[in-house]
Amino acid sequence: MSQRKIENIRGLIFWLNATHPIELIYSTIMNAAFDIGKRYQLPRKDNLIIQNALESTFNFHYFEEMQNEQLIKGSMHIVNPFVS
């Protein structure tokens, strides 16, 4: 996804948040997920999963498609169960 498309989506999230403030937590999670994807170069489909796991204060997450022992945001370890 291009940076321009991401910025367009962020603008839409900002507008939705301004007009429907009850959805604030969801826009916060979406924006944080975009930041995780950019910082760690993760597949787009995984960003939201990772951010929700961080919001839930998980210390580790099993992910077969990611680098084993990768540390996300200094608090969550990725565990690839297929790496010996």
C-alpha atoms as a PDB file:
ATOM      1  CA  MET A   1       0.000   0.000   0.000  1.00  0.00           C
ATOM      2  CA  SER A   2       1.450   3.348  -0.975  1.00  0.00           C
ATOM      3  CA  GLN A   3       2.169   6.043   1.573  1.00  0.00           C
ATOM      4  CA  ARG A   4      -0.391   8.280  -0.152  1.00  0.00           C
ATOM      5  CA  LYS A   5      -3.134   5.680   0.311  1.00  0.00           C
ATOM      6  CA  ILE A   6      -2.190   5.264   3.972  1.00  0.00           C
ATOM      7  CA  GLU A   7      -2.382   9.021   4.495  1.00  0.00           C
ATOM      8  CA  ASN A   8      -5.789   9.084   2.763  1.00  0.00           C
ATOM      9  CA  ILE A   9      -7.017   6.342   5.097  1.00  0.00           C
ATOM     10  CA  ARG A  10      -5.633   8.216   8.109  1.00  0.00           C
ATOM     11  CA  GLY A  11      -7.475  11.326   6.959  1.00  0.00           C
ATOM     12  CA  LEU A  12     -10.685   9.338   6.700  1.00  0.00           C
ATOM     13  CA  ILE A  13     -10.133   7.883  10.180  1.00  0.00           C
ATOM     14  CA  PHE A  14      -9.543  11.410  11.537  1.00  0.00           C
ATOM     15  CA  TRP A  15     -12.772  12.625   9.909  1.00  0.00           C
ATOM     16  CA  LEU A  16     -14.745   9.637  11.242  1.00  0.00           C
ATOM     17  CA  ASN A  17     -13.320  10.226  14.702  1.00  0.00           C
ATOM     18  CA  ALA A  18     -14.299  13.896  14.557  1.00  0.00           C
ATOM     19  CA  THR A  19     -17.862  13.106  13.496  1.00  0.00           C
ATOM     20  CA  HIS A  20     -18.333   9.902  15.542  1.00  0.00           C
ATOM     21  CA  PRO A  21     -16.105  10.193  18.648  1.00  0.00           C
ATOM     22  CA  ILE A  22     -17.395   6.967  20.164  1.00  0.00           C
ATOM     23  CA  GLU A  23     -15.078   5.133  17.739  1.00  0.00           C
ATOM     24  CA  LEU A  24     -11.923   6.789  19.135  1.00  0.00           C
ATOM     25  CA  ILE A  25     -10.266   3.600  20.336  1.00  0.00           C
ATOM     26  CA  TYR A  26     -10.618   1.984  16.930  1.00  0.00           C
ATOM     27  CA  SER A  27      -8.974   4.876  15.096  1.00  0.00           C
ATOM     28  CA  THR A  28      -6.150   4.853  17.639  1.00  0.00           C
ATOM     29  CA  ILE A  29      -5.561   1.149  17.068  1.00  0.00           C
ATOM     30  CA  MET A  30      -5.687   1.539  13.277  1.00  0.00           C
ATOM     31  CA  ASN A  31      -3.164   4.384  13.288  1.00  0.00           C
ATOM     32  CA  ALA A  32      -0.850   2.440  15.603  1.00  0.00           C
ATOM     33  CA  ALA A  33      -1.143  -0.593  13.321  1.00  0.00           C
ATOM     34  CA  PHE A  34      -0.057   1.517  10.331  1.00  0.00           C
ATOM     35  CA  ASP A  35       2.942   2.721  12.353  1.00  0.00           C
ATOM     36  CA  ILE A  36       3.918  -0.844  13.291  1.00  0.00           C
ATOM     37  CA  GLY A  37       3.793  -1.899   9.649  1.00  0.00           C
ATOM     38  CA  LYS A  38       6.003   0.982   8.613  1.00  0.00           C
ATOM     39  CA  ARG A  39       8.516   0.556  11.444  1.00  0.00           C
ATOM     40  CA  TYR A  40       8.898  -3.235  11.321  1.00  0.00           C
ATOM     41  CA  GLN A  41       8.181  -3.807   7.607  1.00  0.00           C
ATOM     42  CA  LEU A  42       5.485  -6.368   8.420  1.00  0.00           C
ATOM     43  CA  PRO A  43       2.840  -7.677   6.032  1.00  0.00           C
ATOM     44  CA  ARG A  44      -0.272  -5.485   6.115  1.00  0.00           C
ATOM     45  CA  LYS A  45      -2.516  -8.315   7.240  1.00  0.00           C
ATOM     46  CA  ASP A  46      -0.412  -8.785  10.376  1.00  0.00           C
ATOM     47  CA  ASN A  47      -0.231  -5.168  11.580  1.00  0.00           C
ATOM     48  CA  LEU A  48      -3.682  -5.058  13.149  1.00  0.00           C
ATOM     49  CA  ILE A  49      -3.217  -8.466  14.786  1.00  0.00           C
ATOM     50  CA  ILE A  50       0.059  -7.306  16.335  1.00  0.00           C
ATOM     51  CA  GLN A  51      -1.402  -3.987  17.526  1.00  0.00           C
ATOM     52  CA  ASN A  52      -4.393  -5.684  19.125  1.00  0.00           C
ATOM     53  CA  ALA A  53      -2.075  -8.112  20.889  1.00  0.00           C
ATOM     54  CA  LEU A  54      -0.079  -5.142  22.213  1.00  0.00           C
ATOM     55  CA  GLU A  55      -3.292  -3.456  23.383  1.00  0.00           C
ATOM     56  CA  SER A  56      -4.154  -6.647  25.254  1.00  0.00           C
ATOM     57  CA  THR A  57      -0.712  -6.606  26.935  1.00  0.00           C
ATOM     58  CA  PHE A  58       0.431  -9.969  25.571  1.00  0.00           C
ATOM     59  CA  ASN A  59       4.140 -10.564  26.161  1.00  0.00           C
ATOM     60  CA  PHE A  60       4.520 -12.981  23.261  1.00  0.00           C
ATOM     61  CA  HIS A  61       2.628 -13.964  20.144  1.00  0.00           C
ATOM     62  CA  TYR A  62       2.877 -17.118  18.039  1.00  0.00           C
ATOM     63  CA  PHE A  63       3.316 -16.235  14.378  1.00  0.00           C
ATOM     64  CA  GLU A  64       4.570 -18.721  11.834  1.00  0.00           C
ATOM     65  CA  GLU A  65       5.236 -16.162   9.092  1.00  0.00           C
ATOM     66  CA  MET A  66       7.430 -13.797  11.122  1.00  0.00           C
ATOM     67  CA  GLN A  67      10.993 -13.779  12.334  1.00  0.00           C
ATOM     68  CA  ASN A  68      11.432 -15.887  15.466  1.00  0.00           C
ATOM     69  CA  GLU A  69      12.322 -13.896  18.615  1.00  0.00           C
ATOM     70  CA  GLN A  70      11.573 -10.552  16.967  1.00  0.00           C
ATOM     71  CA  LEU A  71      10.820  -7.890  19.570  1.00  0.00           C
ATOM     72  CA  ILE A  72       7.950  -5.507  18.819  1.00  0.00           C
ATOM     73  CA  LYS A  73       7.863  -2.124  20.563  1.00  0.00           C
ATOM     74  CA  GLY A  74      10.193  -3.386  23.262  1.00  0.00           C
ATOM     75  CA  SER A  75       7.540  -5.479  24.967  1.00  0.00           C
ATOM     76  CA  MET A  76       6.200  -8.294  22.781  1.00  0.00           C
ATOM     77  CA  HIS A  77       8.241 -11.217  21.489  1.00  0.00           C
ATOM     78  CA  ILE A  78       7.289 -13.029  18.311  1.00  0.00           C
ATOM     79  CA  VAL A  79       7.589 -16.813  18.563  1.00  0.00           C
ATOM     80  CA  ASN A  80       7.630 -18.889  15.399  1.00  0.00           C
ATOM     81  CA  PRO A  81       6.514 -22.355  16.549  1.00  0.00           C
ATOM     82  CA  PHE A  82       8.071 -24.013  13.511  1.00  0.00           C
ATOM     83  CA  VAL A  83      11.634 -22.837  14.170  1.00  0.00           C
ATOM     84  CA  SER A  84      13.680 -25.372  16.079  1.00  0.00           C
END
